[in-house]
Structure formats: structure tokens, C-alpha cells
N, C-alpha and C. Protein backbone atom coordinates (compact mmCIF):
# COMPACT_ATOMS: atom_id res chain seq x y z
N MET A 1 12.03 -1.64 24.64
CA MET A 1 11.71 -2.74 23.73
C MET A 1 11.73 -2.19 22.31
N ASN A 2 12.50 -2.82 21.46
CA ASN A 2 12.53 -2.41 20.06
C ASN A 2 11.58 -3.29 19.25
N LYS A 3 11.52 -3.06 17.95
CA LYS A 3 10.57 -3.77 17.10
C LYS A 3 10.83 -5.28 17.10
N ALA A 4 12.09 -5.69 17.03
CA ALA A 4 12.42 -7.12 17.01
C ALA A 4 11.98 -7.80 18.31
N GLU A 5 12.20 -7.13 19.44
CA GLU A 5 11.78 -7.69 20.73
C GLU A 5 10.25 -7.75 20.83
N LEU A 6 9.58 -6.74 20.28
CA LEU A 6 8.11 -6.74 20.27
C LEU A 6 7.58 -7.88 19.42
N VAL A 7 8.17 -8.09 18.25
CA VAL A 7 7.76 -9.19 17.38
C VAL A 7 7.95 -10.53 18.08
N ALA A 8 9.08 -10.71 18.74
CA ALA A 8 9.35 -11.96 19.47
C ALA A 8 8.33 -12.16 20.58
N SER A 9 7.99 -11.11 21.30
CA SER A 9 7.01 -11.20 22.38
C SER A 9 5.62 -11.53 21.83
N MET A 10 5.26 -10.89 20.72
CA MET A 10 3.96 -11.16 20.10
C MET A 10 3.89 -12.61 19.63
N ALA A 11 4.97 -13.10 19.04
CA ALA A 11 4.99 -14.48 18.55
C ALA A 11 4.85 -15.46 19.70
N GLU A 12 5.53 -15.19 20.79
CA GLU A 12 5.46 -16.08 21.95
C GLU A 12 4.06 -16.11 22.57
N LYS A 13 3.44 -14.94 22.70
CA LYS A 13 2.13 -14.86 23.35
C LYS A 13 0.99 -15.36 22.46
N SER A 14 1.15 -15.24 21.14
CA SER A 14 0.07 -15.61 20.24
C SER A 14 0.21 -17.00 19.62
N GLY A 15 1.40 -17.57 19.71
CA GLY A 15 1.62 -18.87 19.09
C GLY A 15 1.92 -18.77 17.60
N LEU A 16 2.08 -17.55 17.10
CA LEU A 16 2.43 -17.36 15.70
C LEU A 16 3.94 -17.49 15.53
N THR A 17 4.37 -17.67 14.29
CA THR A 17 5.80 -17.63 14.02
C THR A 17 6.24 -16.17 14.07
N LYS A 18 7.54 -15.96 14.21
CA LYS A 18 8.04 -14.59 14.24
C LYS A 18 7.73 -13.87 12.92
N LYS A 19 7.79 -14.61 11.81
CA LYS A 19 7.50 -14.02 10.51
C LYS A 19 6.05 -13.56 10.44
N ASP A 20 5.11 -14.39 10.93
CA ASP A 20 3.70 -14.02 10.93
C ASP A 20 3.41 -12.88 11.89
N ALA A 21 4.08 -12.89 13.05
CA ALA A 21 3.90 -11.81 14.03
C ALA A 21 4.41 -10.49 13.46
N GLU A 22 5.53 -10.54 12.75
CA GLU A 22 6.05 -9.32 12.14
C GLU A 22 5.12 -8.82 11.06
N ALA A 23 4.55 -9.72 10.27
CA ALA A 23 3.59 -9.32 9.24
C ALA A 23 2.35 -8.68 9.87
N ALA A 24 1.88 -9.23 10.99
CA ALA A 24 0.72 -8.68 11.69
C ALA A 24 1.04 -7.29 12.24
N LEU A 25 2.22 -7.13 12.83
CA LEU A 25 2.62 -5.84 13.37
C LEU A 25 2.75 -4.80 12.26
N ASN A 26 3.37 -5.18 11.16
CA ASN A 26 3.53 -4.27 10.03
C ASN A 26 2.17 -3.86 9.46
N ALA A 27 1.23 -4.82 9.39
CA ALA A 27 -0.12 -4.52 8.91
C ALA A 27 -0.83 -3.55 9.85
N PHE A 28 -0.66 -3.74 11.15
CA PHE A 28 -1.25 -2.84 12.14
C PHE A 28 -0.70 -1.43 11.97
N ILE A 29 0.62 -1.32 11.88
CA ILE A 29 1.25 -0.01 11.75
C ILE A 29 0.79 0.67 10.47
N LYS A 30 0.75 -0.06 9.37
CA LYS A 30 0.33 0.51 8.08
C LYS A 30 -1.12 0.96 8.14
N SER A 31 -1.98 0.18 8.80
CA SER A 31 -3.40 0.54 8.92
C SER A 31 -3.57 1.81 9.74
N VAL A 32 -2.83 1.94 10.82
CA VAL A 32 -2.90 3.15 11.65
C VAL A 32 -2.40 4.35 10.85
N GLU A 33 -1.30 4.19 10.14
CA GLU A 33 -0.75 5.28 9.32
C GLU A 33 -1.77 5.75 8.29
N GLU A 34 -2.41 4.81 7.59
CA GLU A 34 -3.39 5.16 6.55
C GLU A 34 -4.59 5.88 7.15
N ALA A 35 -5.04 5.44 8.32
CA ALA A 35 -6.18 6.09 8.97
C ALA A 35 -5.81 7.51 9.38
N LEU A 36 -4.62 7.71 9.93
CA LEU A 36 -4.21 9.04 10.36
C LEU A 36 -4.01 9.99 9.18
N VAL A 37 -3.54 9.47 8.06
CA VAL A 37 -3.39 10.30 6.86
C VAL A 37 -4.76 10.81 6.41
N LYS A 38 -5.80 10.00 6.58
CA LYS A 38 -7.16 10.38 6.20
C LYS A 38 -7.85 11.20 7.30
N ASP A 39 -7.11 11.59 8.34
CA ASP A 39 -7.64 12.33 9.49
C ASP A 39 -8.67 11.53 10.27
N ASP A 40 -8.59 10.22 10.22
CA ASP A 40 -9.45 9.35 11.02
C ASP A 40 -8.79 9.13 12.37
N LYS A 41 -9.59 8.70 13.33
CA LYS A 41 -9.12 8.39 14.67
C LYS A 41 -9.14 6.87 14.81
N VAL A 42 -8.12 6.30 15.44
CA VAL A 42 -8.07 4.86 15.70
C VAL A 42 -8.22 4.67 17.21
N GLN A 43 -9.37 4.10 17.62
CA GLN A 43 -9.64 3.88 19.04
C GLN A 43 -9.57 2.40 19.36
N LEU A 44 -8.74 2.05 20.33
CA LEU A 44 -8.65 0.69 20.83
C LEU A 44 -9.11 0.75 22.29
N VAL A 45 -10.35 0.37 22.53
CA VAL A 45 -10.96 0.50 23.85
C VAL A 45 -10.10 -0.19 24.90
N GLY A 46 -9.79 0.54 25.96
CA GLY A 46 -8.96 0.02 27.03
C GLY A 46 -7.48 0.22 26.80
N PHE A 47 -7.07 0.44 25.57
CA PHE A 47 -5.64 0.64 25.27
C PHE A 47 -5.34 2.11 25.04
N GLY A 48 -6.01 2.71 24.05
CA GLY A 48 -5.78 4.12 23.79
C GLY A 48 -6.28 4.54 22.43
N THR A 49 -5.99 5.79 22.09
CA THR A 49 -6.47 6.38 20.85
C THR A 49 -5.32 7.04 20.10
N PHE A 50 -5.23 6.73 18.82
CA PHE A 50 -4.29 7.39 17.91
C PHE A 50 -5.09 8.47 17.19
N ASP A 51 -4.58 9.69 17.13
CA ASP A 51 -5.31 10.79 16.54
C ASP A 51 -4.33 11.76 15.89
N VAL A 52 -4.85 12.72 15.14
CA VAL A 52 -4.04 13.75 14.52
C VAL A 52 -4.49 15.09 15.08
N ARG A 53 -3.54 15.90 15.52
CA ARG A 53 -3.85 17.24 16.03
C ARG A 53 -3.23 18.27 15.11
N GLU A 54 -3.97 19.34 14.92
CA GLU A 54 -3.51 20.46 14.10
C GLU A 54 -2.65 21.39 14.96
N ARG A 55 -1.54 21.79 14.44
CA ARG A 55 -0.70 22.80 15.09
C ARG A 55 -0.80 24.08 14.27
N LYS A 56 -1.12 25.17 14.93
CA LYS A 56 -1.26 26.45 14.24
C LYS A 56 0.12 27.00 13.87
N ALA A 57 0.12 27.86 12.87
CA ALA A 57 1.35 28.55 12.50
C ALA A 57 1.71 29.49 13.65
N ARG A 58 2.99 29.64 13.89
CA ARG A 58 3.42 30.48 15.00
C ARG A 58 4.81 31.02 14.71
N GLN A 59 5.25 31.91 15.57
CA GLN A 59 6.59 32.44 15.43
C GLN A 59 7.46 31.88 16.54
N GLY A 60 8.69 31.57 16.21
CA GLY A 60 9.65 31.07 17.18
C GLY A 60 10.90 31.91 17.10
N ARG A 61 11.89 31.52 17.87
CA ARG A 61 13.16 32.25 17.82
C ARG A 61 14.30 31.27 17.76
N ASN A 62 15.36 31.71 17.18
CA ASN A 62 16.58 30.92 17.07
C ASN A 62 17.34 31.05 18.39
N PRO A 63 17.61 29.95 19.11
CA PRO A 63 18.32 30.05 20.38
C PRO A 63 19.72 30.67 20.25
N ARG A 64 20.35 30.54 19.11
CA ARG A 64 21.69 31.12 18.92
C ARG A 64 21.63 32.63 18.73
N ASN A 65 20.51 33.09 18.18
CA ASN A 65 20.35 34.52 17.94
C ASN A 65 18.93 34.88 18.38
N PRO A 66 18.70 35.14 19.66
CA PRO A 66 17.35 35.35 20.20
C PRO A 66 16.56 36.48 19.53
N GLU A 67 17.25 37.43 18.90
CA GLU A 67 16.53 38.52 18.26
C GLU A 67 15.89 38.09 16.94
N GLN A 68 16.41 37.03 16.34
CA GLN A 68 15.92 36.58 15.05
C GLN A 68 14.63 35.79 15.22
N VAL A 69 13.55 36.23 14.56
CA VAL A 69 12.25 35.57 14.64
C VAL A 69 12.10 34.64 13.44
N ILE A 70 11.60 33.43 13.69
CA ILE A 70 11.43 32.43 12.65
C ILE A 70 9.94 32.13 12.54
N ASP A 71 9.41 32.09 11.32
CA ASP A 71 8.02 31.70 11.11
C ASP A 71 7.94 30.18 11.02
N ILE A 72 7.13 29.58 11.88
CA ILE A 72 6.94 28.13 11.89
C ILE A 72 5.58 27.86 11.27
N PRO A 73 5.54 27.12 10.15
CA PRO A 73 4.26 26.90 9.47
C PRO A 73 3.34 25.96 10.25
N ALA A 74 2.05 26.00 9.92
CA ALA A 74 1.07 25.09 10.52
C ALA A 74 1.42 23.66 10.08
N SER A 75 1.10 22.70 10.95
CA SER A 75 1.37 21.30 10.62
C SER A 75 0.40 20.39 11.36
N LYS A 76 0.47 19.13 11.04
CA LYS A 76 -0.33 18.11 11.72
C LYS A 76 0.63 17.23 12.50
N ALA A 77 0.20 16.80 13.70
CA ALA A 77 1.06 15.96 14.53
C ALA A 77 0.28 14.74 15.00
N PRO A 78 0.82 13.52 14.78
CA PRO A 78 0.16 12.34 15.32
C PRO A 78 0.34 12.29 16.83
N VAL A 79 -0.73 11.90 17.54
CA VAL A 79 -0.67 11.80 19.00
C VAL A 79 -1.30 10.48 19.44
N PHE A 80 -0.88 10.02 20.62
CA PHE A 80 -1.46 8.84 21.23
C PHE A 80 -1.91 9.21 22.62
N LYS A 81 -3.15 8.90 22.94
CA LYS A 81 -3.66 9.14 24.29
C LYS A 81 -3.99 7.78 24.90
N ALA A 82 -3.33 7.46 26.00
CA ALA A 82 -3.53 6.17 26.66
C ALA A 82 -4.93 6.08 27.24
N GLY A 83 -5.53 4.90 27.16
CA GLY A 83 -6.84 4.65 27.74
C GLY A 83 -6.74 4.39 29.23
N LYS A 84 -7.89 4.40 29.89
CA LYS A 84 -7.93 4.24 31.34
C LYS A 84 -7.34 2.89 31.77
N ALA A 85 -7.70 1.82 31.08
CA ALA A 85 -7.21 0.49 31.47
C ALA A 85 -5.69 0.42 31.39
N LEU A 86 -5.11 0.99 30.34
CA LEU A 86 -3.65 1.00 30.18
C LEU A 86 -3.00 1.84 31.28
N LYS A 87 -3.58 2.98 31.58
CA LYS A 87 -3.05 3.82 32.67
C LYS A 87 -3.09 3.09 33.99
N ASP A 88 -4.19 2.38 34.25
CA ASP A 88 -4.33 1.64 35.50
C ASP A 88 -3.27 0.54 35.64
N ILE A 89 -3.01 -0.17 34.53
CA ILE A 89 -2.02 -1.26 34.54
C ILE A 89 -0.62 -0.68 34.80
N VAL A 90 -0.30 0.43 34.13
CA VAL A 90 1.02 1.03 34.29
C VAL A 90 1.21 1.56 35.72
N ASN A 91 0.17 2.10 36.30
CA ASN A 91 0.27 2.69 37.63
C ASN A 91 0.07 1.69 38.78
N ALA A 92 -0.24 0.45 38.45
CA ALA A 92 -0.47 -0.56 39.51
C ALA A 92 0.83 -1.04 40.11
């Protein structure tokens, strides 16, 4: 399902127009992005949790030249952990 299909599905289920559903989806995405930038966690009970995890600096290697070591800097990675209710629905 791509964004356009998701917007159409949201509009159908909520009774909103596609334009309003797209605005709601965009607002949701922007709100989650802003929270993650601030290192906040977004918890939707029964659905899941959006969070940011720290990745430590490490060394890697170039697959083309295995002897060459590459320094990979520390970074932050957004993650999503599915909630129990969502897992149960998917596995049913």
C-alpha cells in the first residue's frame, strides 16, 4: 500500500474527503517526525511505538576490498516497535 492508497482507505473509513484525509496523514507524519527529532517517544497503545535509537561508532569493511577498514560514525536511527494488539491481528 502506498501513500495514495492509504489516503483513499483513510477517507473511506473515516468519511473524510481524500484531501482532508491526506492533510490528517501529513499532520500525523510531521508530528511524529518532530517528536523523534526532539528524542521523544511516540506511543500509540495497541498499535506500537516510534522511538529513536543511538548507534555507536564502529568500524566496517569495504566488500570490494576486505582489507580496507572504514570508520562508521555514530548516528541515530528511527525505529518502530509493533504493539501486542497489532501483532495479534497480523498473526491471526
